[in-house]
């Protein structure tokens, strides 16, 4: 049996990733581009106004420019990974949820909502994603149906 490559292994629990659900690629590229765009614009404006200088490599300029890339990297990784033993939510900080700790889930399929929500046994909301922000939603829903109880409407 072939070993999965490093991109298909969950870093939290060393399980194989069965499927990844992210913002569709064209939106991820667009949003990341919007966050990266001010950096070359600012650098071009500095070069055009003062000419090229090694002062552009000053840490007082480079640190804020690097900080501007953090939202772009966040948008690129945000989503849900389906593993054999649970889900990895990548909303803010990646967090692994085994299926045993997931109590119930609900997809609000009203046209103005379309929100997928997952709760734990204490009725705490663990994950909430807009359905349009996840690629291959039916595959994610099949994994949830197979491993987690579904309820008609949240309490």
C-alpha atoms as a PDB file:
ATOM      1  CA  UNK A   1       0.000   0.000   0.000  1.00  0.00           C
ATOM      2  CA  UNK A   2       1.396   3.397  -0.980  1.00  0.00           C
ATOM      3  CA  UNK A   3       2.085   5.835   1.801  1.00  0.00           C
ATOM      4  CA  UNK A   4       0.263   9.164   1.514  1.00  0.00           C
ATOM      5  CA  UNK A   5       2.483  12.171   0.932  1.00  0.00           C
ATOM      6  CA  UNK A   6       3.034  14.768   3.655  1.00  0.00           C
ATOM      7  CA  UNK A   7       0.224  16.998   2.343  1.00  0.00           C
ATOM      8  CA  UNK A   8      -2.290  14.196   2.962  1.00  0.00           C
ATOM      9  CA  UNK A   9      -1.326  13.587   6.624  1.00  0.00           C
ATOM     10  CA  UNK A  10      -2.924  15.576   9.431  1.00  0.00           C
ATOM     11  CA  UNK A  11      -0.194  17.300  11.457  1.00  0.00           C
ATOM     12  CA  UNK A  12      -2.226  17.064  14.685  1.00  0.00           C
ATOM     13  CA  UNK A  13      -2.899  13.334  14.821  1.00  0.00           C
ATOM     14  CA  UNK A  14      -0.921  11.665  11.981  1.00  0.00           C
ATOM     15  CA  UNK A  15      -4.087  10.320  10.316  1.00  0.00           C
ATOM     16  CA  UNK A  16      -4.605  10.300   6.568  1.00  0.00           C
ATOM     17  CA  UNK A  17      -6.717  13.170   5.284  1.00  0.00           C
ATOM     18  CA  UNK A  18      -9.699  11.723   3.410  1.00  0.00           C
ATOM     19  CA  UNK A  19     -10.870  15.059   2.015  1.00  0.00           C
ATOM     20  CA  UNK A  20     -10.197  18.774   2.416  1.00  0.00           C
ATOM     21  CA  UNK A  21     -12.937  21.368   2.255  1.00  0.00           C
ATOM     22  CA  UNK A  22     -11.778  24.929   1.697  1.00  0.00           C
ATOM     23  CA  UNK A  23     -12.995  28.103   0.084  1.00  0.00           C
ATOM     24  CA  UNK A  24     -13.103  27.463  -3.696  1.00  0.00           C
ATOM     25  CA  UNK A  25      -9.679  28.003  -5.266  1.00  0.00           C
ATOM     26  CA  UNK A  26     -10.568  31.085  -7.347  1.00  0.00           C
ATOM     27  CA  UNK A  27     -11.835  32.876  -4.232  1.00  0.00           C
ATOM     28  CA  UNK A  28      -8.803  31.864  -2.188  1.00  0.00           C
ATOM     29  CA  UNK A  29      -6.480  33.191  -4.907  1.00  0.00           C
ATOM     30  CA  UNK A  30      -8.495  36.409  -5.171  1.00  0.00           C
ATOM     31  CA  UNK A  31      -8.599  37.052  -1.424  1.00  0.00           C
ATOM     32  CA  UNK A  32      -4.927  36.194  -0.951  1.00  0.00           C
ATOM     33  CA  UNK A  33      -4.086  38.490  -3.872  1.00  0.00           C
ATOM     34  CA  UNK A  34      -6.052  41.320  -2.297  1.00  0.00           C
ATOM     35  CA  UNK A  35      -4.104  40.929   0.944  1.00  0.00           C
ATOM     36  CA  UNK A  36      -0.753  40.718  -0.859  1.00  0.00           C
ATOM     37  CA  UNK A  37      -1.483  43.573  -3.318  1.00  0.00           C
ATOM     38  CA  UNK A  38      -0.593  46.491  -0.992  1.00  0.00           C
ATOM     39  CA  UNK A  39       2.931  45.145  -0.528  1.00  0.00           C
ATOM     40  CA  UNK A  40       4.158  45.520  -4.150  1.00  0.00           C
ATOM     41  CA  UNK A  41       2.144  48.733  -4.533  1.00  0.00           C
ATOM     42  CA  UNK A  42       3.862  50.255  -1.490  1.00  0.00           C
ATOM     43  CA  UNK A  43       7.292  49.037  -2.591  1.00  0.00           C
ATOM     44  CA  UNK A  44       6.745  50.336  -6.150  1.00  0.00           C
ATOM     45  CA  UNK A  45       5.659  53.726  -4.811  1.00  0.00           C
ATOM     46  CA  UNK A  46       8.766  53.925  -2.624  1.00  0.00           C
ATOM     47  CA  UNK A  47      11.067  52.948  -5.498  1.00  0.00           C
ATOM     48  CA  UNK A  48       9.405  55.380  -7.944  1.00  0.00           C
ATOM     49  CA  UNK A  49       9.468  58.288  -5.501  1.00  0.00           C
ATOM     50  CA  UNK A  50      12.999  57.867  -4.109  1.00  0.00           C
ATOM     51  CA  UNK A  51      14.712  55.368  -6.402  1.00  0.00           C
ATOM     52  CA  UNK A  52      16.010  51.973  -5.387  1.00  0.00           C
ATOM     53  CA  UNK A  53      17.908  51.978  -2.139  1.00  0.00           C
ATOM     54  CA  UNK A  54      19.054  49.335   0.295  1.00  0.00           C
ATOM     55  CA  UNK A  55      17.075  51.227   2.933  1.00  0.00           C
ATOM     56  CA  UNK A  56      14.053  49.313   1.587  1.00  0.00           C
ATOM     57  CA  UNK A  57      15.443  46.254   3.409  1.00  0.00           C
ATOM     58  CA  UNK A  58      15.126  47.980   6.800  1.00  0.00           C
ATOM     59  CA  UNK A  59      13.335  45.853   9.412  1.00  0.00           C
ATOM     60  CA  UNK A  60      11.046  48.786  10.271  1.00  0.00           C
ATOM     61  CA  UNK A  61       9.556  48.389   6.789  1.00  0.00           C
ATOM     62  CA  UNK A  62       9.885  44.625   6.312  1.00  0.00           C
ATOM     63  CA  UNK A  63       8.203  43.570   9.580  1.00  0.00           C
ATOM     64  CA  UNK A  64       4.906  45.406   8.840  1.00  0.00           C
ATOM     65  CA  UNK A  65       5.002  44.098   5.255  1.00  0.00           C
ATOM     66  CA  UNK A  66       5.394  40.538   6.540  1.00  0.00           C
ATOM     67  CA  UNK A  67       2.599  41.099   9.059  1.00  0.00           C
ATOM     68  CA  UNK A  68       0.337  42.071   6.151  1.00  0.00           C
ATOM     69  CA  UNK A  69       0.701  38.527   4.762  1.00  0.00           C
ATOM     70  CA  UNK A  70      -0.844  36.855   7.845  1.00  0.00           C
ATOM     71  CA  UNK A  71      -4.502  37.342   6.755  1.00  0.00           C
ATOM     72  CA  UNK A  72      -3.684  35.957   3.308  1.00  0.00           C
ATOM     73  CA  UNK A  73      -2.199  32.816   4.826  1.00  0.00           C
ATOM     74  CA  UNK A  74      -5.192  32.519   7.168  1.00  0.00           C
ATOM     75  CA  UNK A  75      -7.662  32.687   4.257  1.00  0.00           C
ATOM     76  CA  UNK A  76      -5.654  30.099   2.340  1.00  0.00           C
ATOM     77  CA  UNK A  77      -5.796  27.459   5.114  1.00  0.00           C
ATOM     78  CA  UNK A  78      -9.287  28.060   6.556  1.00  0.00           C
ATOM     79  CA  UNK A  79     -11.697  25.113   6.207  1.00  0.00           C
ATOM     80  CA  UNK A  80     -12.375  21.538   7.347  1.00  0.00           C
ATOM     81  CA  UNK A  81     -10.336  18.341   6.887  1.00  0.00           C
ATOM     82  CA  UNK A  82     -12.131  14.989   7.088  1.00  0.00           C
ATOM     83  CA  UNK A  83     -10.091  12.199   8.691  1.00  0.00           C
ATOM     84  CA  UNK A  84     -11.001   8.598   9.393  1.00  0.00           C
ATOM     85  CA  UNK A  85     -11.266   9.316  13.132  1.00  0.00           C
ATOM     86  CA  UNK A  86     -12.622  12.863  13.180  1.00  0.00           C
ATOM     87  CA  UNK A  87     -12.581  16.362  11.743  1.00  0.00           C
ATOM     88  CA  UNK A  88      -9.950  19.083  11.775  1.00  0.00           C
ATOM     89  CA  UNK A  89     -11.472  22.552  11.889  1.00  0.00           C
ATOM     90  CA  UNK A  90      -9.248  25.304  10.536  1.00  0.00           C
ATOM     91  CA  UNK A  91     -11.290  28.353  11.504  1.00  0.00           C
ATOM     92  CA  UNK A  92      -8.776  30.288  13.610  1.00  0.00           C
ATOM     93  CA  UNK A  93      -6.381  27.748  15.081  1.00  0.00           C
ATOM     94  CA  UNK A  94      -6.476  24.202  13.670  1.00  0.00           C
ATOM     95  CA  UNK A  95      -8.304  21.928  16.103  1.00  0.00           C
ATOM     96  CA  UNK A  96      -8.906  18.177  15.884  1.00  0.00           C
ATOM     97  CA  UNK A  97     -12.336  16.864  16.915  1.00  0.00           C
ATOM     98  CA  UNK A  98     -12.730  13.065  17.114  1.00  0.00           C
ATOM     99  CA  UNK A  99     -16.139  11.847  15.994  1.00  0.00           C
ATOM    100  CA  UNK A 100     -16.780  10.611  19.557  1.00  0.00           C
ATOM    101  CA  UNK A 101     -16.811  14.200  20.892  1.00  0.00           C
ATOM    102  CA  UNK A 102     -19.130  15.474  18.142  1.00  0.00           C
ATOM    103  CA  UNK A 103     -22.734  15.164  19.293  1.00  0.00           C
ATOM    104  CA  UNK A 104     -24.793  16.525  16.427  1.00  0.00           C
ATOM    105  CA  UNK A 105     -24.724  18.652  13.276  1.00  0.00           C
ATOM    106  CA  UNK A 106     -27.175  20.649  11.218  1.00  0.00           C
ATOM    107  CA  UNK A 107     -27.130  22.185   7.738  1.00  0.00           C
ATOM    108  CA  UNK A 108     -29.452  25.167   7.564  1.00  0.00           C
ATOM    109  CA  UNK A 109     -30.362  24.907   3.898  1.00  0.00           C
ATOM    110  CA  UNK A 110     -32.535  28.007   3.669  1.00  0.00           C
ATOM    111  CA  UNK A 111     -31.382  30.043   0.639  1.00  0.00           C
ATOM    112  CA  UNK A 112     -30.481  33.082   2.756  1.00  0.00           C
ATOM    113  CA  UNK A 113     -28.506  31.022   5.319  1.00  0.00           C
ATOM    114  CA  UNK A 114     -26.808  27.811   4.039  1.00  0.00           C
ATOM    115  CA  UNK A 115     -24.768  27.338   7.241  1.00  0.00           C
ATOM    116  CA  UNK A 116     -23.246  24.058   8.483  1.00  0.00           C
ATOM    117  CA  UNK A 117     -22.982  23.870  12.295  1.00  0.00           C
ATOM    118  CA  UNK A 118     -21.524  21.107  14.503  1.00  0.00           C
ATOM    119  CA  UNK A 119     -22.057  20.844  18.298  1.00  0.00           C
ATOM    120  CA  UNK A 120     -20.464  18.796  21.077  1.00  0.00           C
ATOM    121  CA  UNK A 121     -22.210  16.817  23.858  1.00  0.00           C
ATOM    122  CA  UNK A 122     -22.564  19.924  26.082  1.00  0.00           C
ATOM    123  CA  UNK A 123     -24.319  21.718  23.191  1.00  0.00           C
ATOM    124  CA  UNK A 124     -21.349  24.027  22.567  1.00  0.00           C
ATOM    125  CA  UNK A 125     -20.946  25.105  18.980  1.00  0.00           C
ATOM    126  CA  UNK A 126     -17.632  23.678  17.741  1.00  0.00           C
ATOM    127  CA  UNK A 127     -17.738  24.638  14.068  1.00  0.00           C
ATOM    128  CA  UNK A 128     -19.776  26.892  11.867  1.00  0.00           C
ATOM    129  CA  UNK A 129     -19.151  27.351   8.153  1.00  0.00           C
ATOM    130  CA  UNK A 130     -21.121  28.858   5.305  1.00  0.00           C
ATOM    131  CA  UNK A 131     -21.897  26.082   2.834  1.00  0.00           C
ATOM    132  CA  UNK A 132     -20.729  28.226  -0.094  1.00  0.00           C
ATOM    133  CA  UNK A 133     -17.309  28.583   1.547  1.00  0.00           C
ATOM    134  CA  UNK A 134     -16.609  24.832   1.464  1.00  0.00           C
ATOM    135  CA  UNK A 135     -15.595  22.839  -1.586  1.00  0.00           C
ATOM    136  CA  UNK A 136     -17.310  19.491  -2.174  1.00  0.00           C
ATOM    137  CA  UNK A 137     -19.925  19.947   0.555  1.00  0.00           C
ATOM    138  CA  UNK A 138     -21.793  16.675  -0.276  1.00  0.00           C
ATOM    139  CA  UNK A 139     -18.636  14.672   0.544  1.00  0.00           C
ATOM    140  CA  UNK A 140     -18.326  16.437   3.915  1.00  0.00           C
ATOM    141  CA  UNK A 141     -22.018  15.840   4.635  1.00  0.00           C
ATOM    142  CA  UNK A 142     -21.626  12.121   3.844  1.00  0.00           C
ATOM    143  CA  UNK A 143     -18.799  11.867   6.391  1.00  0.00           C
ATOM    144  CA  UNK A 144     -20.931  13.651   8.980  1.00  0.00           C
ATOM    145  CA  UNK A 145     -23.982  11.459   8.257  1.00  0.00           C
ATOM    146  CA  UNK A 146     -21.890   8.312   8.624  1.00  0.00           C
ATOM    147  CA  UNK A 147     -20.239   9.292  11.916  1.00  0.00           C
ATOM    148  CA  UNK A 148     -22.303  11.940  13.750  1.00  0.00           C
ATOM    149  CA  UNK A 149     -25.961  12.126  14.726  1.00  0.00           C
ATOM    150  CA  UNK A 150     -28.057  14.608  12.731  1.00  0.00           C
ATOM    151  CA  UNK A 151     -30.855  16.712  14.166  1.00  0.00           C
ATOM    152  CA  UNK A 152     -33.658  18.495  12.401  1.00  0.00           C
ATOM    153  CA  UNK A 153     -33.266  21.871  14.022  1.00  0.00           C
ATOM    154  CA  UNK A 154     -30.851  23.231  16.607  1.00  0.00           C
ATOM    155  CA  UNK A 155     -32.138  23.567  20.183  1.00  0.00           C
END
